[in-house]
């Protein structure tokens, strides 16, 4: 009787193992489909996330222009009115205040333009990069150099490459404390272009970790994926950090 119960337990264990193994094999059969579905879902979420960011940029650009911009304009007009009634040292101080207000107005105007997606429409990439560099020159003591050897005008490609460049410059200055940034746009083979942003800032402790965990770098990866491009971030020995985005060029129209 005892032997029978042992045999029964053994058979149940083996039988259960067969069932489990079979179930595992059956469930693993569509694994590639499930992974593909998960990847597509992630891409959809990334696209929605980036779309929401662009929508918020549009709102902020208008808030800057219509809100802060108008307040600064009013402050400038009031200062000019007071300036006429002042003399001596007070007049000189009013001149300095007026100059600061005017500089702030220019910064707000520039920032609202660079932030708004509307500002990017019908513009070639090199135009936007020139204006981006001018903005950073005005705000920070950083030297930005631009070398464009490729004409990029496809609207979707321009938008994502421009945002990747903005984020790269921001990271280089804020986190890397860079002094010099080199931006290059060139052709790679017949049907691909390359955007490179090199800075002399602090090296990344782990480039793979930075890309997988950093919100800004992760966003850059998603932006690259939206235009079927690849994006790599790497340390260049002791020289600094290089961001490389390799993107497909639109096929020429027949």
C-alpha atoms as a PDB file:
ATOM      1  CA  UNK A   1       0.000   0.000   0.000  1.00  0.00           C
ATOM      2  CA  UNK A   2       2.861   2.298   0.922  1.00  0.00           C
ATOM      3  CA  UNK A   3       4.693   1.381  -2.293  1.00  0.00           C
ATOM      4  CA  UNK A   4       1.560   2.122  -4.305  1.00  0.00           C
ATOM      5  CA  UNK A   5       1.194   5.580  -2.785  1.00  0.00           C
ATOM      6  CA  UNK A   6       4.880   6.297  -3.493  1.00  0.00           C
ATOM      7  CA  UNK A   7       4.473   5.165  -7.105  1.00  0.00           C
ATOM      8  CA  UNK A   8       1.372   7.301  -7.449  1.00  0.00           C
ATOM      9  CA  UNK A   9       3.182  10.340  -6.075  1.00  0.00           C
ATOM     10  CA  UNK A  10       6.117   9.690  -8.439  1.00  0.00           C
ATOM     11  CA  UNK A  11       3.804   9.330 -11.440  1.00  0.00           C
ATOM     12  CA  UNK A  12       1.934  12.490 -10.487  1.00  0.00           C
ATOM     13  CA  UNK A  13       5.219  14.359 -10.158  1.00  0.00           C
ATOM     14  CA  UNK A  14       6.460  13.168 -13.541  1.00  0.00           C
ATOM     15  CA  UNK A  15       3.068  13.754 -15.141  1.00  0.00           C
ATOM     16  CA  UNK A  16       2.886  17.215 -13.605  1.00  0.00           C
ATOM     17  CA  UNK A  17       6.381  17.931 -14.859  1.00  0.00           C
ATOM     18  CA  UNK A  18       5.367  16.902 -18.384  1.00  0.00           C
ATOM     19  CA  UNK A  19       2.327  19.123 -18.213  1.00  0.00           C
ATOM     20  CA  UNK A  20       4.420  22.049 -16.952  1.00  0.00           C
ATOM     21  CA  UNK A  21       7.070  21.489 -19.607  1.00  0.00           C
ATOM     22  CA  UNK A  22       4.469  21.232 -22.350  1.00  0.00           C
ATOM     23  CA  UNK A  23       2.718  24.361 -21.106  1.00  0.00           C
ATOM     24  CA  UNK A  24       6.045  26.193 -21.046  1.00  0.00           C
ATOM     25  CA  UNK A  25       6.834  25.122 -24.599  1.00  0.00           C
ATOM     26  CA  UNK A  26       3.404  26.153 -25.820  1.00  0.00           C
ATOM     27  CA  UNK A  27       3.542  29.508 -24.048  1.00  0.00           C
ATOM     28  CA  UNK A  28       7.056  30.236 -25.329  1.00  0.00           C
ATOM     29  CA  UNK A  29       6.041  29.617 -28.922  1.00  0.00           C
ATOM     30  CA  UNK A  30       4.535  33.116 -29.475  1.00  0.00           C
ATOM     31  CA  UNK A  31       7.259  34.804 -27.394  1.00  0.00           C
ATOM     32  CA  UNK A  32       8.598  36.732 -30.383  1.00  0.00           C
ATOM     33  CA  UNK A  33       5.097  38.016 -31.073  1.00  0.00           C
ATOM     34  CA  UNK A  34       4.692  39.154 -27.486  1.00  0.00           C
ATOM     35  CA  UNK A  35       8.085  40.871 -27.536  1.00  0.00           C
ATOM     36  CA  UNK A  36       7.210  42.588 -30.790  1.00  0.00           C
ATOM     37  CA  UNK A  37       3.879  43.722 -29.360  1.00  0.00           C
ATOM     38  CA  UNK A  38       5.661  45.050 -26.263  1.00  0.00           C
ATOM     39  CA  UNK A  39       8.172  46.930 -28.441  1.00  0.00           C
ATOM     40  CA  UNK A  40       5.418  48.481 -30.570  1.00  0.00           C
ATOM     41  CA  UNK A  41       3.514  49.485 -27.441  1.00  0.00           C
ATOM     42  CA  UNK A  42       6.647  51.161 -26.056  1.00  0.00           C
ATOM     43  CA  UNK A  43       7.146  52.997 -29.336  1.00  0.00           C
ATOM     44  CA  UNK A  44       3.533  54.221 -29.273  1.00  0.00           C
ATOM     45  CA  UNK A  45       3.976  55.448 -25.708  1.00  0.00           C
ATOM     46  CA  UNK A  46       7.206  57.188 -26.672  1.00  0.00           C
ATOM     47  CA  UNK A  47       5.521  58.888 -29.613  1.00  0.00           C
ATOM     48  CA  UNK A  48       2.653  60.027 -27.380  1.00  0.00           C
ATOM     49  CA  UNK A  49       5.125  61.265 -24.779  1.00  0.00           C
ATOM     50  CA  UNK A  50       7.086  63.300 -27.316  1.00  0.00           C
ATOM     51  CA  UNK A  51       3.870  64.653 -28.839  1.00  0.00           C
ATOM     52  CA  UNK A  52       2.814  65.807 -25.368  1.00  0.00           C
ATOM     53  CA  UNK A  53       6.197  67.484 -24.892  1.00  0.00           C
ATOM     54  CA  UNK A  54       5.847  69.375 -28.177  1.00  0.00           C
ATOM     55  CA  UNK A  55       2.332  70.457 -27.211  1.00  0.00           C
ATOM     56  CA  UNK A  56       3.614  71.745 -23.875  1.00  0.00           C
ATOM     57  CA  UNK A  57       6.479  73.545 -25.612  1.00  0.00           C
ATOM     58  CA  UNK A  58       3.930  75.292 -27.819  1.00  0.00           C
ATOM     59  CA  UNK A  59       1.940  76.396 -24.770  1.00  0.00           C
ATOM     60  CA  UNK A  60       5.030  77.611 -22.911  1.00  0.00           C
ATOM     61  CA  UNK A  61       6.271  79.517 -25.956  1.00  0.00           C
ATOM     62  CA  UNK A  62       3.019  81.448 -26.129  1.00  0.00           C
ATOM     63  CA  UNK A  63       3.048  82.026 -22.360  1.00  0.00           C
ATOM     64  CA  UNK A  64       6.558  83.453 -22.625  1.00  0.00           C
ATOM     65  CA  UNK A  65       5.710  85.656 -25.583  1.00  0.00           C
ATOM     66  CA  UNK A  66       2.270  86.861 -24.522  1.00  0.00           C
ATOM     67  CA  UNK A  67       2.785  86.767 -20.739  1.00  0.00           C
ATOM     68  CA  UNK A  68       6.345  87.452 -19.655  1.00  0.00           C
ATOM     69  CA  UNK A  69       7.123  89.325 -22.871  1.00  0.00           C
ATOM     70  CA  UNK A  70       4.265  91.766 -22.342  1.00  0.00           C
ATOM     71  CA  UNK A  71       5.236  92.349 -18.699  1.00  0.00           C
ATOM     72  CA  UNK A  72       8.797  93.175 -19.718  1.00  0.00           C
ATOM     73  CA  UNK A  73       7.535  95.502 -22.455  1.00  0.00           C
ATOM     74  CA  UNK A  74       5.446  97.347 -19.867  1.00  0.00           C
ATOM     75  CA  UNK A  75       8.413  97.565 -17.495  1.00  0.00           C
ATOM     76  CA  UNK A  76      10.583  98.970 -20.280  1.00  0.00           C
ATOM     77  CA  UNK A  77       8.001 101.629 -21.159  1.00  0.00           C
ATOM     78  CA  UNK A  78       7.631 102.645 -17.505  1.00  0.00           C
ATOM     79  CA  UNK A  79      11.405 102.839 -17.052  1.00  0.00           C
ATOM     80  CA  UNK A  80      11.738 104.999 -20.173  1.00  0.00           C
ATOM     81  CA  UNK A  81       9.058 107.339 -18.797  1.00  0.00           C
ATOM     82  CA  UNK A  82      10.837 107.638 -15.446  1.00  0.00           C
ATOM     83  CA  UNK A  83      14.179 108.013 -17.177  1.00  0.00           C
ATOM     84  CA  UNK A  84      13.100 111.338 -18.690  1.00  0.00           C
ATOM     85  CA  UNK A  85      12.533 112.834 -15.206  1.00  0.00           C
ATOM     86  CA  UNK A  86      15.837 111.693 -13.735  1.00  0.00           C
ATOM     87  CA  UNK A  87      19.308 113.189 -13.759  1.00  0.00           C
ATOM     88  CA  UNK A  88      22.825 112.420 -12.604  1.00  0.00           C
ATOM     89  CA  UNK A  89      23.506 109.060 -10.943  1.00  0.00           C
ATOM     90  CA  UNK A  90      19.820 108.113 -10.887  1.00  0.00           C
ATOM     91  CA  UNK A  91      19.623 108.564 -14.656  1.00  0.00           C
ATOM     92  CA  UNK A  92      22.634 106.315 -15.163  1.00  0.00           C
ATOM     93  CA  UNK A  93      21.096 103.642 -12.931  1.00  0.00           C
ATOM     94  CA  UNK A  94      17.872 103.882 -14.931  1.00  0.00           C
ATOM     95  CA  UNK A  95      19.921 103.356 -18.109  1.00  0.00           C
ATOM     96  CA  UNK A  96      21.370 100.151 -16.644  1.00  0.00           C
ATOM     97  CA  UNK A  97      17.922  98.899 -15.594  1.00  0.00           C
ATOM     98  CA  UNK A  98      16.517  99.659 -19.048  1.00  0.00           C
ATOM     99  CA  UNK A  99      19.388  97.811 -20.706  1.00  0.00           C
ATOM    100  CA  UNK A 100      18.798  94.752 -18.509  1.00  0.00           C
ATOM    101  CA  UNK A 101      15.079  94.780 -19.338  1.00  0.00           C
ATOM    102  CA  UNK A 102      15.820  95.000 -23.051  1.00  0.00           C
ATOM    103  CA  UNK A 103      18.259  92.099 -22.826  1.00  0.00           C
ATOM    104  CA  UNK A 104      15.646  90.065 -20.957  1.00  0.00           C
ATOM    105  CA  UNK A 105      13.105  90.886 -23.678  1.00  0.00           C
ATOM    106  CA  UNK A 106      15.485  89.617 -26.348  1.00  0.00           C
ATOM    107  CA  UNK A 107      16.133  86.431 -24.375  1.00  0.00           C
ATOM    108  CA  UNK A 108      12.422  85.770 -23.881  1.00  0.00           C
ATOM    109  CA  UNK A 109      11.714  86.401 -27.553  1.00  0.00           C
ATOM    110  CA  UNK A 110      14.539  84.115 -28.627  1.00  0.00           C
ATOM    111  CA  UNK A 111      13.568  81.386 -26.169  1.00  0.00           C
ATOM    112  CA  UNK A 112       9.890  81.491 -27.149  1.00  0.00           C
ATOM    113  CA  UNK A 113      10.829  81.130 -30.813  1.00  0.00           C
ATOM    114  CA  UNK A 114      13.258  78.278 -30.217  1.00  0.00           C
ATOM    115  CA  UNK A 115      10.752  76.479 -27.981  1.00  0.00           C
ATOM    116  CA  UNK A 116       7.698  76.687 -30.226  1.00  0.00           C
ATOM    117  CA  UNK A 117       7.200  73.891 -32.790  1.00  0.00           C
ATOM    118  CA  UNK A 118       5.606  76.513 -35.055  1.00  0.00           C
ATOM    119  CA  UNK A 119       8.955  78.254 -35.252  1.00  0.00           C
ATOM    120  CA  UNK A 120      10.528  75.131 -36.789  1.00  0.00           C
ATOM    121  CA  UNK A 121       8.158  74.807 -39.721  1.00  0.00           C
ATOM    122  CA  UNK A 122       9.570  75.256 -43.230  1.00  0.00           C
ATOM    123  CA  UNK A 123      13.105  75.715 -41.906  1.00  0.00           C
ATOM    124  CA  UNK A 124      16.245  73.893 -42.880  1.00  0.00           C
ATOM    125  CA  UNK A 125      18.243  72.247 -40.090  1.00  0.00           C
ATOM    126  CA  UNK A 126      21.308  74.456 -40.487  1.00  0.00           C
ATOM    127  CA  UNK A 127      19.166  77.603 -40.043  1.00  0.00           C
ATOM    128  CA  UNK A 128      17.830  76.347 -36.732  1.00  0.00           C
ATOM    129  CA  UNK A 129      21.268  75.259 -35.513  1.00  0.00           C
ATOM    130  CA  UNK A 130      22.729  78.695 -36.293  1.00  0.00           C
ATOM    131  CA  UNK A 131      19.987  80.345 -34.228  1.00  0.00           C
ATOM    132  CA  UNK A 132      20.394  77.793 -31.438  1.00  0.00           C
ATOM    133  CA  UNK A 133      24.112  78.505 -31.236  1.00  0.00           C
ATOM    134  CA  UNK A 134      23.450  82.259 -31.171  1.00  0.00           C
ATOM    135  CA  UNK A 135      21.080  81.734 -28.238  1.00  0.00           C
ATOM    136  CA  UNK A 136      23.642  79.768 -26.197  1.00  0.00           C
ATOM    137  CA  UNK A 137      26.370  82.286 -27.016  1.00  0.00           C
ATOM    138  CA  UNK A 138      24.148  84.988 -25.555  1.00  0.00           C
ATOM    139  CA  UNK A 139      23.281  83.058 -22.382  1.00  0.00           C
ATOM    140  CA  UNK A 140      26.458  81.154 -21.482  1.00  0.00           C
ATOM    141  CA  UNK A 141      30.200  81.465 -21.768  1.00  0.00           C
ATOM    142  CA  UNK A 142      30.441  78.527 -24.130  1.00  0.00           C
ATOM    143  CA  UNK A 143      31.904  78.296 -27.620  1.00  0.00           C
ATOM    144  CA  UNK A 144      29.714  76.471 -30.128  1.00  0.00           C
ATOM    145  CA  UNK A 145      31.047  75.606 -33.589  1.00  0.00           C
ATOM    146  CA  UNK A 146      28.903  74.415 -36.485  1.00  0.00           C
ATOM    147  CA  UNK A 147      29.997  72.468 -39.547  1.00  0.00           C
ATOM    148  CA  UNK A 148      27.121  71.630 -41.909  1.00  0.00           C
ATOM    149  CA  UNK A 149      27.921  69.643 -45.030  1.00  0.00           C
ATOM    150  CA  UNK A 150      24.444  68.264 -45.617  1.00  0.00           C
ATOM    151  CA  UNK A 151      21.141  69.923 -46.478  1.00  0.00           C
ATOM    152  CA  UNK A 152      18.336  68.543 -44.270  1.00  0.00           C
ATOM    153  CA  UNK A 153      14.842  69.940 -44.841  1.00  0.00           C
ATOM    154  CA  UNK A 154      12.429  67.039 -44.209  1.00  0.00           C
ATOM    155  CA  UNK A 155      10.123  68.443 -41.506  1.00  0.00           C
ATOM    156  CA  UNK A 156       9.954  65.359 -39.262  1.00  0.00           C
ATOM    157  CA  UNK A 157      13.709  64.758 -39.489  1.00  0.00           C
ATOM    158  CA  UNK A 158      14.542  68.416 -38.846  1.00  0.00           C
ATOM    159  CA  UNK A 159      12.317  68.522 -35.754  1.00  0.00           C
ATOM    160  CA  UNK A 160      13.814  65.448 -34.087  1.00  0.00           C
ATOM    161  CA  UNK A 161      17.444  66.272 -34.963  1.00  0.00           C
ATOM    162  CA  UNK A 162      16.982  69.812 -33.694  1.00  0.00           C
ATOM    163  CA  UNK A 163      15.510  68.613 -30.382  1.00  0.00           C
ATOM    164  CA  UNK A 164      18.330  66.055 -30.006  1.00  0.00           C
ATOM    165  CA  UNK A 165      20.841  68.863 -30.525  1.00  0.00           C
ATOM    166  CA  UNK A 166      19.093  71.084 -27.969  1.00  0.00           C
ATOM    167  CA  UNK A 167      19.129  68.311 -25.369  1.00  0.00           C
ATOM    168  CA  UNK A 168      22.776  67.459 -26.117  1.00  0.00           C
ATOM    169  CA  UNK A 169      23.894  71.070 -25.675  1.00  0.00           C
ATOM    170  CA  UNK A 170      21.850  71.398 -22.492  1.00  0.00           C
ATOM    171  CA  UNK A 171      23.387  68.213 -21.035  1.00  0.00           C
ATOM    172  CA  UNK A 172      26.906  69.263 -22.043  1.00  0.00           C
ATOM    173  CA  UNK A 173      26.605  72.648 -20.328  1.00  0.00           C
ATOM    174  CA  UNK A 174      24.553  71.697 -17.278  1.00  0.00           C
ATOM    175  CA  UNK A 175      26.016  68.300 -16.424  1.00  0.00           C
ATOM    176  CA  UNK A 176      29.338  68.212 -18.253  1.00  0.00           C
ATOM    177  CA  UNK A 177      30.325  71.860 -17.622  1.00  0.00           C
ATOM    178  CA  UNK A 178      31.554  72.001 -21.222  1.00  0.00           C
ATOM    179  CA  UNK A 179      33.377  75.022 -22.608  1.00  0.00           C
ATOM    180  CA  UNK A 180      33.478  74.012 -26.273  1.00  0.00           C
ATOM    181  CA  UNK A 181      30.813  72.227 -28.337  1.00  0.00           C
ATOM    182  CA  UNK A 182      31.287  71.100 -31.933  1.00  0.00           C
ATOM    183  CA  UNK A 183      28.198  70.290 -34.021  1.00  0.00           C
ATOM    184  CA  UNK A 184      28.648  68.506 -37.352  1.00  0.00           C
ATOM    185  CA  UNK A 185      26.041  67.472 -39.913  1.00  0.00           C
ATOM    186  CA  UNK A 186      27.407  65.331 -42.748  1.00  0.00           C
ATOM    187  CA  UNK A 187      26.452  62.612 -45.204  1.00  0.00           C
ATOM    188  CA  UNK A 188      27.336  59.001 -44.482  1.00  0.00           C
ATOM    189  CA  UNK A 189      27.088  56.775 -47.529  1.00  0.00           C
ATOM    190  CA  UNK A 190      24.445  57.566 -50.122  1.00  0.00           C
ATOM    191  CA  UNK A 191      21.271  57.249 -48.106  1.00  0.00           C
ATOM    192  CA  UNK A 192      22.280  58.249 -44.568  1.00  0.00           C
ATOM    193  CA  UNK A 193      23.194  61.407 -42.741  1.00  0.00           C
ATOM    194  CA  UNK A 194      25.019  61.861 -39.437  1.00  0.00           C
ATOM    195  CA  UNK A 195      24.574  64.437 -36.700  1.00  0.00           C
ATOM    196  CA  UNK A 196      27.478  64.650 -34.261  1.00  0.00           C
ATOM    197  CA  UNK A 197      27.604  66.780 -31.114  1.00  0.00           C
ATOM    198  CA  UNK A 198      31.018  66.694 -29.436  1.00  0.00           C
ATOM    199  CA  UNK A 199      31.760  68.507 -26.183  1.00  0.00           C
ATOM    200  CA  UNK A 200      34.827  68.852 -23.968  1.00  0.00           C
ATOM    201  CA  UNK A 201      32.894  68.391 -20.727  1.00  0.00           C
ATOM    202  CA  UNK A 202      33.138  65.762 -18.023  1.00  0.00           C
ATOM    203  CA  UNK A 203      33.090  62.140 -19.142  1.00  0.00           C
ATOM    204  CA  UNK A 204      30.052  59.980 -18.428  1.00  0.00           C
ATOM    205  CA  UNK A 205      30.586  57.390 -15.715  1.00  0.00           C
ATOM    206  CA  UNK A 206      28.627  54.829 -17.736  1.00  0.00           C
ATOM    207  CA  UNK A 207      27.310  55.658 -21.208  1.00  0.00           C
ATOM    208  CA  UNK A 208      24.989  52.627 -21.315  1.00  0.00           C
ATOM    209  CA  UNK A 209      23.586  53.467 -17.888  1.00  0.00           C
ATOM    210  CA  UNK A 210      23.196  57.135 -18.814  1.00  0.00           C
ATOM    211  CA  UNK A 211      21.185  56.307 -21.919  1.00  0.00           C
ATOM    212  CA  UNK A 212      18.963  53.767 -20.157  1.00  0.00           C
ATOM    213  CA  UNK A 213      18.226  55.805 -17.011  1.00  0.00           C
ATOM    214  CA  UNK A 214      18.609  59.466 -17.902  1.00  0.00           C
ATOM    215  CA  UNK A 215      15.293  61.023 -18.901  1.00  0.00           C
ATOM    216  CA  UNK A 216      16.927  63.456 -21.330  1.00  0.00           C
ATOM    217  CA  UNK A 217      19.090  60.828 -23.013  1.00  0.00           C
ATOM    218  CA  UNK A 218      16.237  58.360 -23.100  1.00  0.00           C
ATOM    219  CA  UNK A 219      14.099  61.004 -24.780  1.00  0.00           C
ATOM    220  CA  UNK A 220      16.838  61.493 -27.373  1.00  0.00           C
ATOM    221  CA  UNK A 221      16.783  57.757 -28.067  1.00  0.00           C
ATOM    222  CA  UNK A 222      13.031  57.843 -28.571  1.00  0.00           C
ATOM    223  CA  UNK A 223      13.287  60.849 -30.888  1.00  0.00           C
ATOM    224  CA  UNK A 224      15.890  59.045 -32.967  1.00  0.00           C
ATOM    225  CA  UNK A 225      13.666  55.960 -33.188  1.00  0.00           C
ATOM    226  CA  UNK A 226      10.798  58.093 -34.505  1.00  0.00           C
ATOM    227  CA  UNK A 227      12.814  58.852 -37.651  1.00  0.00           C
ATOM    228  CA  UNK A 228      14.317  55.330 -37.871  1.00  0.00           C
ATOM    229  CA  UNK A 229      17.671  56.663 -36.724  1.00  0.00           C
ATOM    230  CA  UNK A 230      20.240  55.269 -34.300  1.00  0.00           C
ATOM    231  CA  UNK A 231      21.722  57.242 -31.422  1.00  0.00           C
ATOM    232  CA  UNK A 232      24.938  56.547 -29.536  1.00  0.00           C
ATOM    233  CA  UNK A 233      26.565  58.365 -26.630  1.00  0.00           C
ATOM    234  CA  UNK A 234      30.218  57.629 -25.939  1.00  0.00           C
ATOM    235  CA  UNK A 235      33.247  58.964 -24.130  1.00  0.00           C
ATOM    236  CA  UNK A 236      36.096  59.946 -26.455  1.00  0.00           C
ATOM    237  CA  UNK A 237      39.124  59.024 -24.363  1.00  0.00           C
ATOM    238  CA  UNK A 238      39.820  62.067 -22.173  1.00  0.00           C
ATOM    239  CA  UNK A 239      38.542  64.594 -24.720  1.00  0.00           C
ATOM    240  CA  UNK A 240      34.872  64.641 -23.798  1.00  0.00           C
ATOM    241  CA  UNK A 241      31.533  63.152 -24.841  1.00  0.00           C
ATOM    242  CA  UNK A 242      30.271  62.464 -28.359  1.00  0.00           C
ATOM    243  CA  UNK A 243      26.600  62.100 -29.301  1.00  0.00           C
ATOM    244  CA  UNK A 244      26.098  60.513 -32.730  1.00  0.00           C
ATOM    245  CA  UNK A 245      22.760  60.218 -34.504  1.00  0.00           C
ATOM    246  CA  UNK A 246      22.771  58.334 -37.814  1.00  0.00           C
ATOM    247  CA  UNK A 247      19.546  58.960 -39.728  1.00  0.00           C
ATOM    248  CA  UNK A 248      18.122  57.844 -43.100  1.00  0.00           C
ATOM    249  CA  UNK A 249      17.802  60.468 -45.795  1.00  0.00           C
ATOM    250  CA  UNK A 250      14.489  60.837 -47.636  1.00  0.00           C
ATOM    251  CA  UNK A 251      14.499  59.040 -50.946  1.00  0.00           C
ATOM    252  CA  UNK A 252      14.731  61.434 -53.893  1.00  0.00           C
ATOM    253  CA  UNK A 253      11.520  61.964 -55.778  1.00  0.00           C
ATOM    254  CA  UNK A 254      11.421  60.333 -59.239  1.00  0.00           C
END
